[in-house]
Amino acid sequence: MIAAIRPVRSLLLAIFMLMAGSGFLATLISLRLERAGAGTMAIGAVATAYFGGLVLGALRAGDIVRRVGHIRAFAAFVALLSASTLSYVLLNHPLPWAALRLIDGICVAGVFICLESWLNDRADSDTRGSILAAYMVALYSGQAVGQLLLGASGHVPAIPFQIASILISLAIIPLCLTRSSAPLPVEAGAFSIRALYRASPLGVVGAVATGLMLGAFYGLAAVHVRRLGLNLGATASFMMIVILGGVAMQWPLGRLSDRYDRRVVIVGSFGATLAVSVGLALLRAGGLPLLALGALFGGLSFALYPLCVAHCNDRLLASERVAASGRLVLLYSVGAALGPTGAAAAMTAAGSGGLFLFIALCAGGTLGFGLWRQAASAPVPAPEQQDFQIVPRTTPMASLLDPNTADGDTT
């Protein structure tokens, strides 16, 4: 594996630094808005703006990359993201912060398009799986480590934003100094959502539901646990535990889905997420139970999207998988954009625990849909199922890294 990732080590370093700098901003911004007295709906709207920016960036940033090239586009997106991060200190109000989060989302999508298409260009049939695994490690470890920066402010509120801006800016260096030539962006091709739903109803509904759940979590979970009485350090630990739990359980659940009807594992995971979410909604204090349920929630919910992608791949031709996976990322992102607003409404109506009640409602609805799909259609025979792969929920370009889609048409 070391030999496989050596040619892309500068890209992986850039991903780690970028996620360490930007991965905790959602938590930080939600907590700052909460402390400033902003209402739950305003906090949810700011979180929604970020995921809306991800959708816009995923759709349009590729044009910029094609026009000016990978390195110039990457530098431009990172510079704008760094400037936006510093601007939060100057504009302490939900409305300009929502605009900044929209810019953040567009920039992050543009950065991921550059990095993922570059990684795909460096991968071949023998190294694709190793590169994808290393990419996911860099992505999640950077995001997890970044949560520890929440408590870096001391008595100077601007410090976390300044540290984030420094790390984001430093992410430019590995790519600007790389000796490898940048590739041309690869088009994922066209595939209608209607055709995707006909091929895999559960995969489509599951991707949207997962977006709703995780968008709500990233936007408002820190606010919820702070209202339970956790200090800043404990809040950072909770967020980090959820992310690490997500890393730990994706592979075991994926291997289980390779051996049995994948729909059973998906439905079971949604059912378990429902139960854990209800438990989190009922908790009224921090401590070990909160951390344990948080780790379980991360492990189950983070696995749902790659399980849904794998289920769709089981029911598609090889030539359709790249385009279909790109559509699934967009469906997830649309769900993530709607999730914080829905969860904020639930928290306004039912109190802080409304966040996980909203997530439980999403999981429960998908559980019922999945049970109906199991009764309405036959499973894919086990020998015909594709191998499970942990895939990122970033941009449609990420689908090109999945070995199950590598043989498809990427033009």
Protein backbone atom coordinates (compact mmCIF):
# COMPACT_ATOMS: atom_id res chain seq x y z
CA MET A 1 0.00 0.00 0.00
CA ILE A 2 2.89 2.40 0.80
CA ALA A 3 4.22 2.04 -2.73
CA ALA A 4 0.74 2.74 -4.14
CA ILE A 5 0.23 5.99 -2.21
CA ARG A 6 3.77 7.37 -2.53
CA PRO A 7 3.00 9.16 -5.84
CA VAL A 8 -0.01 10.92 -4.26
CA ARG A 9 1.42 11.71 -0.82
CA SER A 10 1.42 15.47 -1.49
CA LEU A 11 -2.29 15.30 -2.37
CA LEU A 12 -3.06 13.32 0.79
CA LEU A 13 -1.14 15.83 2.90
CA ALA A 14 -3.12 18.66 1.33
CA ILE A 15 -6.39 16.85 2.10
CA PHE A 16 -5.39 16.26 5.73
CA MET A 17 -4.39 19.90 6.30
CA LEU A 18 -7.48 21.21 4.56
CA MET A 19 -9.81 19.06 6.67
CA ALA A 20 -7.92 19.85 9.89
CA GLY A 21 -8.47 23.53 9.14
CA SER A 22 -12.00 23.50 7.75
CA GLY A 23 -13.50 20.34 9.22
CA PHE A 24 -14.32 21.89 12.59
CA LEU A 25 -15.73 25.19 11.26
CA ALA A 26 -19.31 23.88 11.20
CA THR A 27 -19.07 23.03 14.90
CA LEU A 28 -17.31 26.28 15.78
CA ILE A 29 -19.75 28.48 13.88
CA SER A 30 -22.80 26.79 15.40
CA LEU A 31 -21.38 27.25 18.89
CA ARG A 32 -20.49 30.90 18.28
CA LEU A 33 -23.98 31.63 16.98
CA GLU A 34 -25.49 29.86 19.98
CA ARG A 35 -23.34 31.88 22.37
CA ALA A 36 -24.28 35.12 20.58
CA GLY A 37 -27.96 34.39 21.21
CA ALA A 38 -28.96 33.40 17.67
CA GLY A 39 -32.11 31.30 17.42
CA THR A 40 -32.04 27.65 16.45
CA MET A 41 -33.62 28.39 13.07
CA ALA A 42 -30.91 30.96 12.31
CA ILE A 43 -28.19 28.44 13.21
CA GLY A 44 -29.87 25.84 10.98
CA ALA A 45 -30.11 28.33 8.11
CA VAL A 46 -26.37 29.09 8.32
CA ALA A 47 -25.61 25.35 8.22
CA THR A 48 -27.96 24.94 5.26
CA ALA A 49 -26.08 27.67 3.38
CA TYR A 50 -22.86 25.63 3.56
CA PHE A 51 -24.40 22.50 2.08
CA GLY A 52 -26.15 24.61 -0.53
CA GLY A 53 -22.72 25.92 -1.48
CA LEU A 54 -21.45 22.35 -1.78
CA VAL A 55 -24.24 21.59 -4.26
CA LEU A 56 -23.52 24.71 -6.31
CA GLY A 57 -19.79 24.05 -6.25
CA ALA A 58 -20.20 20.43 -7.27
CA LEU A 59 -22.25 21.55 -10.27
CA ARG A 60 -20.20 24.56 -11.40
CA ALA A 61 -16.66 24.44 -10.00
CA GLY A 62 -15.56 21.90 -12.62
CA ASP A 63 -15.93 24.60 -15.30
CA ILE A 64 -13.38 26.77 -13.47
CA VAL A 65 -10.95 23.86 -13.17
CA ARG A 66 -11.24 23.13 -16.89
CA ARG A 67 -10.70 26.78 -17.76
CA VAL A 68 -7.61 27.58 -15.65
CA GLY A 69 -6.19 24.18 -14.67
CA HIS A 70 -5.96 22.23 -11.44
CA ILE A 71 -3.21 24.08 -9.60
CA ARG A 72 -4.51 27.59 -10.33
CA ALA A 73 -8.08 26.59 -9.50
CA PHE A 74 -6.98 24.85 -6.30
CA ALA A 75 -4.97 27.89 -5.19
CA ALA A 76 -7.89 30.21 -5.94
CA PHE A 77 -10.42 28.10 -4.05
CA VAL A 78 -8.11 27.69 -1.04
CA ALA A 79 -7.25 31.41 -0.96
CA LEU A 80 -10.92 32.37 -1.02
CA LEU A 81 -11.72 29.77 1.66
CA SER A 82 -8.91 31.10 3.86
CA ALA A 83 -10.12 34.69 3.44
CA SER A 84 -13.70 33.66 4.17
CA THR A 85 -12.56 31.91 7.35
CA LEU A 86 -10.90 35.09 8.64
CA SER A 87 -13.96 37.17 7.72
CA TYR A 88 -16.11 35.54 10.41
CA VAL A 89 -14.21 37.57 12.99
CA LEU A 90 -15.21 40.83 11.25
CA LEU A 91 -18.87 40.06 10.51
CA ASN A 92 -20.47 38.71 13.68
CA HIS A 93 -24.08 38.25 12.50
CA PRO A 94 -26.02 35.24 11.15
CA LEU A 95 -26.85 36.84 7.78
CA PRO A 96 -23.27 37.57 6.62
CA TRP A 97 -22.17 34.30 8.19
CA ALA A 98 -24.71 32.47 6.02
CA ALA A 99 -23.20 34.18 2.97
CA LEU A 100 -19.71 33.19 4.09
CA ARG A 101 -20.81 29.59 4.64
CA LEU A 102 -22.24 29.53 1.11
CA ILE A 103 -18.83 30.68 -0.17
CA ASP A 104 -17.14 28.07 2.03
CA GLY A 105 -19.27 25.30 0.52
CA ILE A 106 -18.50 26.37 -3.05
CA CYS A 107 -14.78 26.54 -2.29
CA VAL A 108 -14.66 23.17 -0.52
CA ALA A 109 -16.48 21.55 -3.46
CA GLY A 110 -13.99 23.11 -5.87
CA VAL A 111 -11.04 21.91 -3.81
CA PHE A 112 -12.39 18.36 -3.70
CA ILE A 113 -13.01 18.33 -7.45
CA CYS A 114 -9.35 19.27 -7.98
CA LEU A 115 -8.01 16.72 -5.51
CA GLU A 116 -10.28 13.81 -6.40
CA SER A 117 -9.81 14.11 -10.15
CA TRP A 118 -6.04 14.32 -9.55
CA LEU A 119 -6.11 11.20 -7.36
CA ASN A 120 -8.17 9.39 -9.97
CA ASP A 121 -5.64 10.28 -12.67
CA ARG A 122 -2.82 8.81 -10.56
CA ALA A 123 -4.73 5.59 -9.77
CA ASP A 124 -4.83 2.43 -11.87
CA SER A 125 -6.62 -0.87 -11.49
CA ASP A 126 -3.96 -2.19 -9.09
CA THR A 127 -3.68 0.86 -6.82
CA ARG A 128 -7.18 2.35 -6.89
CA GLY A 129 -8.38 0.58 -3.76
CA SER A 130 -5.27 1.56 -1.76
CA ILE A 131 -5.47 5.18 -2.88
CA LEU A 132 -9.16 5.37 -1.99
CA ALA A 133 -8.46 3.92 1.47
CA ALA A 134 -5.59 6.38 2.06
CA TYR A 135 -7.82 9.24 0.88
CA MET A 136 -10.53 8.31 3.37
CA VAL A 137 -7.98 8.03 6.19
CA ALA A 138 -6.59 11.50 5.41
CA LEU A 139 -10.09 12.96 5.11
CA TYR A 140 -11.55 11.58 8.34
CA SER A 141 -8.39 11.87 10.45
CA GLY A 142 -8.03 15.52 9.46
CA GLN A 143 -11.65 16.17 10.32
CA ALA A 144 -11.34 14.37 13.66
CA VAL A 145 -8.11 16.13 14.67
CA GLY A 146 -9.59 19.47 13.70
CA GLN A 147 -12.29 19.15 16.36
CA LEU A 148 -9.58 19.52 19.01
CA LEU A 149 -9.01 23.09 17.83
CA LEU A 150 -12.40 24.15 19.21
CA GLY A 151 -10.85 24.86 22.58
CA ALA A 152 -7.88 26.83 21.23
CA SER A 153 -9.42 30.27 21.74
CA GLY A 154 -8.58 30.88 25.39
CA HIS A 155 -9.60 34.51 25.95
CA VAL A 156 -9.17 35.50 22.27
CA PRO A 157 -12.26 34.45 20.25
CA ALA A 158 -10.51 35.00 16.90
CA ILE A 159 -7.79 32.38 17.47
CA PRO A 160 -9.69 29.28 16.18
CA PHE A 161 -10.55 31.11 12.96
CA GLN A 162 -6.94 32.24 12.59
CA ILE A 163 -5.60 28.71 13.13
CA ALA A 164 -8.14 27.36 10.64
CA SER A 165 -7.08 29.96 8.06
CA ILE A 166 -3.39 29.10 8.58
CA LEU A 167 -3.98 25.37 8.07
CA ILE A 168 -6.18 25.96 5.03
CA SER A 169 -3.55 28.27 3.49
CA LEU A 170 -0.76 25.77 4.13
CA ALA A 171 -2.72 23.14 2.17
CA ILE A 172 -1.71 25.01 -1.00
CA ILE A 173 1.99 24.26 -0.54
CA PRO A 174 2.08 20.48 -1.22
CA LEU A 175 0.25 20.90 -4.53
CA CYS A 176 2.09 24.00 -5.68
CA LEU A 177 5.45 22.27 -5.10
CA THR A 178 4.51 18.90 -6.58
CA ARG A 179 6.51 17.79 -9.61
CA SER A 180 3.68 15.70 -11.07
CA SER A 181 1.65 17.22 -13.86
CA ALA A 182 -2.01 18.00 -13.24
CA PRO A 183 -4.61 16.03 -15.21
CA LEU A 184 -7.54 17.26 -17.20
CA PRO A 185 -10.84 17.07 -15.29
CA VAL A 186 -12.94 14.00 -16.09
CA GLU A 187 -16.63 14.29 -16.81
CA ALA A 188 -18.80 11.85 -14.89
CA GLY A 189 -21.38 11.65 -17.68
CA ALA A 190 -25.17 11.95 -17.57
CA PHE A 191 -27.59 9.69 -15.73
CA SER A 192 -31.11 10.77 -14.83
CA ILE A 193 -32.33 10.58 -11.26
CA ARG A 194 -35.52 8.94 -12.51
CA ALA A 195 -33.53 6.13 -14.15
CA LEU A 196 -31.44 5.78 -10.99
CA TYR A 197 -34.57 5.48 -8.85
CA ARG A 198 -35.98 2.82 -11.19
CA ALA A 199 -32.77 0.85 -10.84
CA SER A 200 -32.41 1.23 -7.06
CA PRO A 201 -35.23 2.94 -5.13
CA LEU A 202 -33.70 2.13 -1.75
CA GLY A 203 -30.28 3.44 -2.82
CA VAL A 204 -31.76 6.80 -3.88
CA VAL A 205 -34.01 7.25 -0.85
CA GLY A 206 -31.24 6.08 1.46
CA ALA A 207 -28.75 8.60 0.03
CA VAL A 208 -31.18 11.50 0.50
CA ALA A 209 -32.11 10.34 4.02
CA THR A 210 -28.45 10.01 4.98
CA GLY A 211 -27.86 13.56 3.76
CA LEU A 212 -30.78 14.83 5.85
CA MET A 213 -29.46 13.05 8.94
CA LEU A 214 -25.78 13.99 8.67
CA GLY A 215 -26.46 17.53 7.49
CA ALA A 216 -28.61 18.01 10.60
CA PHE A 217 -25.95 16.43 12.79
CA TYR A 218 -23.03 18.49 11.52
CA GLY A 219 -25.05 21.69 11.67
CA LEU A 220 -26.59 21.35 15.13
CA ALA A 221 -25.09 18.50 17.17
CA ALA A 222 -22.61 20.80 18.93
CA VAL A 223 -25.46 23.12 19.92
CA HIS A 224 -27.42 20.17 21.31
CA VAL A 225 -24.62 18.82 23.50
CA ARG A 226 -23.72 22.31 24.75
CA ARG A 227 -27.31 22.70 25.88
CA LEU A 228 -26.87 19.45 27.81
CA GLY A 229 -24.19 21.23 29.84
CA LEU A 230 -20.99 20.01 28.15
CA ASN A 231 -18.04 22.39 28.14
CA LEU A 232 -16.11 23.22 24.98
CA GLY A 233 -13.55 20.45 25.46
CA ALA A 234 -16.22 17.80 26.03
CA THR A 235 -18.13 19.04 22.98
CA ALA A 236 -14.99 18.67 20.84
CA SER A 237 -14.45 15.17 22.24
CA PHE A 238 -18.03 14.19 21.42
CA MET A 239 -17.72 15.36 17.82
CA MET A 240 -14.37 13.59 17.43
CA ILE A 241 -15.76 10.35 18.91
CA VAL A 242 -18.65 10.39 16.43
CA ILE A 243 -16.25 10.80 13.49
CA LEU A 244 -13.90 8.08 14.74
CA GLY A 245 -16.86 5.78 15.35
CA GLY A 246 -17.87 6.37 11.75
CA VAL A 247 -14.43 5.34 10.56
CA ALA A 248 -14.36 2.21 12.73
CA MET A 249 -17.69 0.67 11.72
CA GLN A 250 -17.91 1.33 7.99
CA TRP A 251 -15.68 -1.54 6.94
CA PRO A 252 -17.27 -4.27 9.17
CA LEU A 253 -20.78 -3.30 8.05
CA GLY A 254 -19.62 -3.21 4.44
CA ARG A 255 -18.06 -6.67 4.64
CA LEU A 256 -21.29 -7.95 6.22
CA SER A 257 -23.28 -6.52 3.33
CA ASP A 258 -21.02 -8.36 0.86
CA ARG A 259 -21.95 -11.70 2.42
CA TYR A 260 -25.71 -11.24 2.77
CA ASP A 261 -28.56 -9.40 1.07
CA ARG A 262 -27.26 -5.84 1.18
CA ARG A 263 -30.76 -4.48 1.70
CA VAL A 264 -31.00 -6.33 5.01
CA VAL A 265 -27.82 -4.63 6.25
CA ILE A 266 -29.05 -1.21 5.03
CA VAL A 267 -32.46 -1.65 6.66
CA GLY A 268 -30.87 -2.98 9.83
CA SER A 269 -28.48 -0.02 9.95
CA PHE A 270 -31.33 2.45 9.57
CA GLY A 271 -33.22 0.61 12.30
CA ALA A 272 -30.22 0.71 14.63
CA THR A 273 -29.69 4.40 13.81
CA LEU A 274 -33.33 5.02 14.74
CA ALA A 275 -32.83 3.33 18.12
CA VAL A 276 -29.56 5.13 18.88
CA SER A 277 -31.04 8.49 17.84
CA VAL A 278 -33.98 8.03 20.19
CA GLY A 279 -31.52 7.19 22.95
CA LEU A 280 -29.53 10.37 22.23
CA ALA A 281 -32.72 12.44 22.18
CA LEU A 282 -33.69 11.14 25.62
CA LEU A 283 -30.30 11.71 27.28
CA ARG A 284 -30.25 14.75 29.50
CA ALA A 285 -26.57 14.79 30.51
CA GLY A 286 -23.09 14.09 29.21
CA GLY A 287 -20.70 11.39 30.29
CA LEU A 288 -19.92 7.90 29.08
CA PRO A 289 -23.46 7.06 27.83
CA LEU A 290 -23.40 10.10 25.54
CA LEU A 291 -19.97 9.20 24.15
CA ALA A 292 -20.95 5.54 23.66
CA LEU A 293 -24.16 6.41 21.84
CA GLY A 294 -22.30 9.04 19.83
CA ALA A 295 -19.74 6.47 18.66
CA LEU A 296 -22.55 4.08 17.69
CA PHE A 297 -24.39 6.84 15.87
CA GLY A 298 -21.27 7.76 13.89
CA GLY A 299 -20.51 4.14 13.07
CA LEU A 300 -24.01 3.44 11.79
CA SER A 301 -24.84 6.70 10.05
CA PHE A 302 -21.48 7.15 8.32
CA ALA A 303 -21.79 3.65 6.83
CA LEU A 304 -25.21 4.29 5.30
CA TYR A 305 -24.09 6.31 2.29
CA PRO A 306 -21.42 3.86 1.03
CA LEU A 307 -23.89 1.01 1.64
CA CYS A 308 -26.45 2.80 -0.55
CA VAL A 309 -23.81 3.40 -3.26
CA ALA A 310 -22.88 -0.28 -3.19
CA HIS A 311 -26.55 -1.29 -3.43
CA CYS A 312 -27.00 0.94 -6.48
CA ASN A 313 -23.87 -0.50 -8.09
CA ASP A 314 -25.30 -3.99 -7.62
CA ARG A 315 -28.22 -3.05 -9.88
CA LEU A 316 -26.40 -1.07 -12.56
CA LEU A 317 -24.24 -1.88 -15.55
CA ALA A 318 -20.54 -1.16 -15.22
CA SER A 319 -20.86 1.64 -17.79
CA GLU A 320 -23.55 3.37 -15.67
CA ARG A 321 -21.89 3.35 -12.26
CA VAL A 322 -19.71 6.46 -12.48
CA ALA A 323 -22.55 8.73 -13.57
CA ALA A 324 -24.97 7.14 -11.12
CA SER A 325 -22.55 7.54 -8.21
CA GLY A 326 -22.17 11.20 -9.11
CA ARG A 327 -25.93 11.62 -8.94
CA LEU A 328 -25.99 9.93 -5.53
CA VAL A 329 -23.46 12.47 -4.19
CA LEU A 330 -25.69 15.30 -5.40
CA LEU A 331 -28.77 13.68 -3.84
CA TYR A 332 -26.90 13.31 -0.57
CA SER A 333 -25.82 16.98 -0.75
CA VAL A 334 -29.36 18.18 -1.41
CA GLY A 335 -30.54 16.19 1.61
CA ALA A 336 -27.69 17.65 3.69
CA ALA A 337 -28.74 21.16 2.66
CA LEU A 338 -32.30 20.56 3.85
CA GLY A 339 -31.38 18.66 7.02
CA PRO A 340 -30.25 21.55 9.28
CA THR A 341 -33.41 23.56 8.62
CA GLY A 342 -35.65 20.57 9.34
CA ALA A 343 -33.73 19.73 12.50
CA ALA A 344 -33.80 23.36 13.64
CA ALA A 345 -37.58 23.36 13.30
CA ALA A 346 -37.75 20.14 15.34
CA MET A 347 -35.51 21.66 18.04
CA THR A 348 -37.67 24.77 18.15
CA ALA A 349 -40.78 22.65 18.64
CA ALA A 350 -39.43 19.88 20.90
CA GLY A 351 -36.37 21.34 22.58
CA SER A 352 -32.73 20.42 22.15
CA GLY A 353 -33.50 16.71 21.76
CA GLY A 354 -35.52 17.55 18.68
CA LEU A 355 -32.32 17.23 16.65
CA PHE A 356 -32.09 13.49 17.21
CA LEU A 357 -35.86 13.11 17.03
CA PHE A 358 -35.65 14.58 13.52
CA ILE A 359 -32.82 12.19 12.67
CA ALA A 360 -34.85 9.30 14.13
CA LEU A 361 -37.81 10.32 11.97
CA CYS A 362 -35.63 10.26 8.84
CA ALA A 363 -34.18 6.88 9.80
CA GLY A 364 -37.61 5.48 10.65
CA GLY A 365 -39.13 6.61 7.36
CA THR A 366 -36.30 5.02 5.39
CA LEU A 367 -36.58 1.87 7.50
CA GLY A 368 -40.24 1.53 6.52
CA PHE A 369 -39.43 2.20 2.87
CA GLY A 370 -36.65 -0.37 2.94
CA LEU A 371 -38.91 -3.04 4.44
CA TRP A 372 -41.43 -2.37 1.66
CA ARG A 373 -38.71 -2.66 -1.00
CA GLN A 374 -37.57 -5.98 0.45
CA ALA A 375 -41.09 -7.30 0.09
CA ALA A 376 -41.63 -5.79 -3.37
CA SER A 377 -38.49 -7.03 -5.17
CA ALA A 378 -36.05 -9.93 -5.09
CA PRO A 379 -32.51 -9.44 -3.77
CA VAL A 380 -29.44 -9.37 -5.99
CA PRO A 381 -27.82 -12.83 -5.77
CA ALA A 382 -24.77 -12.74 -3.49
CA PRO A 383 -22.29 -13.78 -6.24
CA GLU A 384 -23.46 -10.83 -8.38
CA GLN A 385 -23.01 -8.19 -5.67
CA GLN A 386 -20.14 -5.74 -6.11
CA ASP A 387 -17.48 -5.50 -3.41
CA PHE A 388 -18.23 -2.86 -0.79
CA GLN A 389 -16.00 0.23 -0.83
CA ILE A 390 -15.87 3.09 1.65
CA VAL A 391 -16.55 6.13 -0.54
CA PRO A 392 -16.52 9.84 0.38
CA ARG A 393 -19.59 12.08 0.36
CA THR A 394 -17.81 15.01 -1.24
CA THR A 395 -18.38 15.66 -4.97
CA PRO A 396 -19.40 13.56 -8.00
CA MET A 397 -15.69 13.35 -8.91
CA ALA A 398 -15.21 11.06 -5.91
CA SER A 399 -17.15 8.33 -7.70
CA LEU A 400 -14.20 7.89 -10.09
CA LEU A 401 -12.05 6.62 -7.21
CA ASP A 402 -14.39 3.69 -6.45
CA PRO A 403 -12.87 0.49 -7.93
CA ASN A 404 -16.41 -0.74 -8.62
CA THR A 405 -16.92 2.16 -11.05
CA ALA A 406 -13.42 2.25 -12.50
CA ASP A 407 -14.31 0.07 -15.46
CA GLY A 408 -17.26 2.22 -16.39
CA ASP A 409 -17.46 4.93 -19.01
CA THR A 410 -15.81 8.07 -17.63
CA THR A 411 -16.21 10.26 -20.66
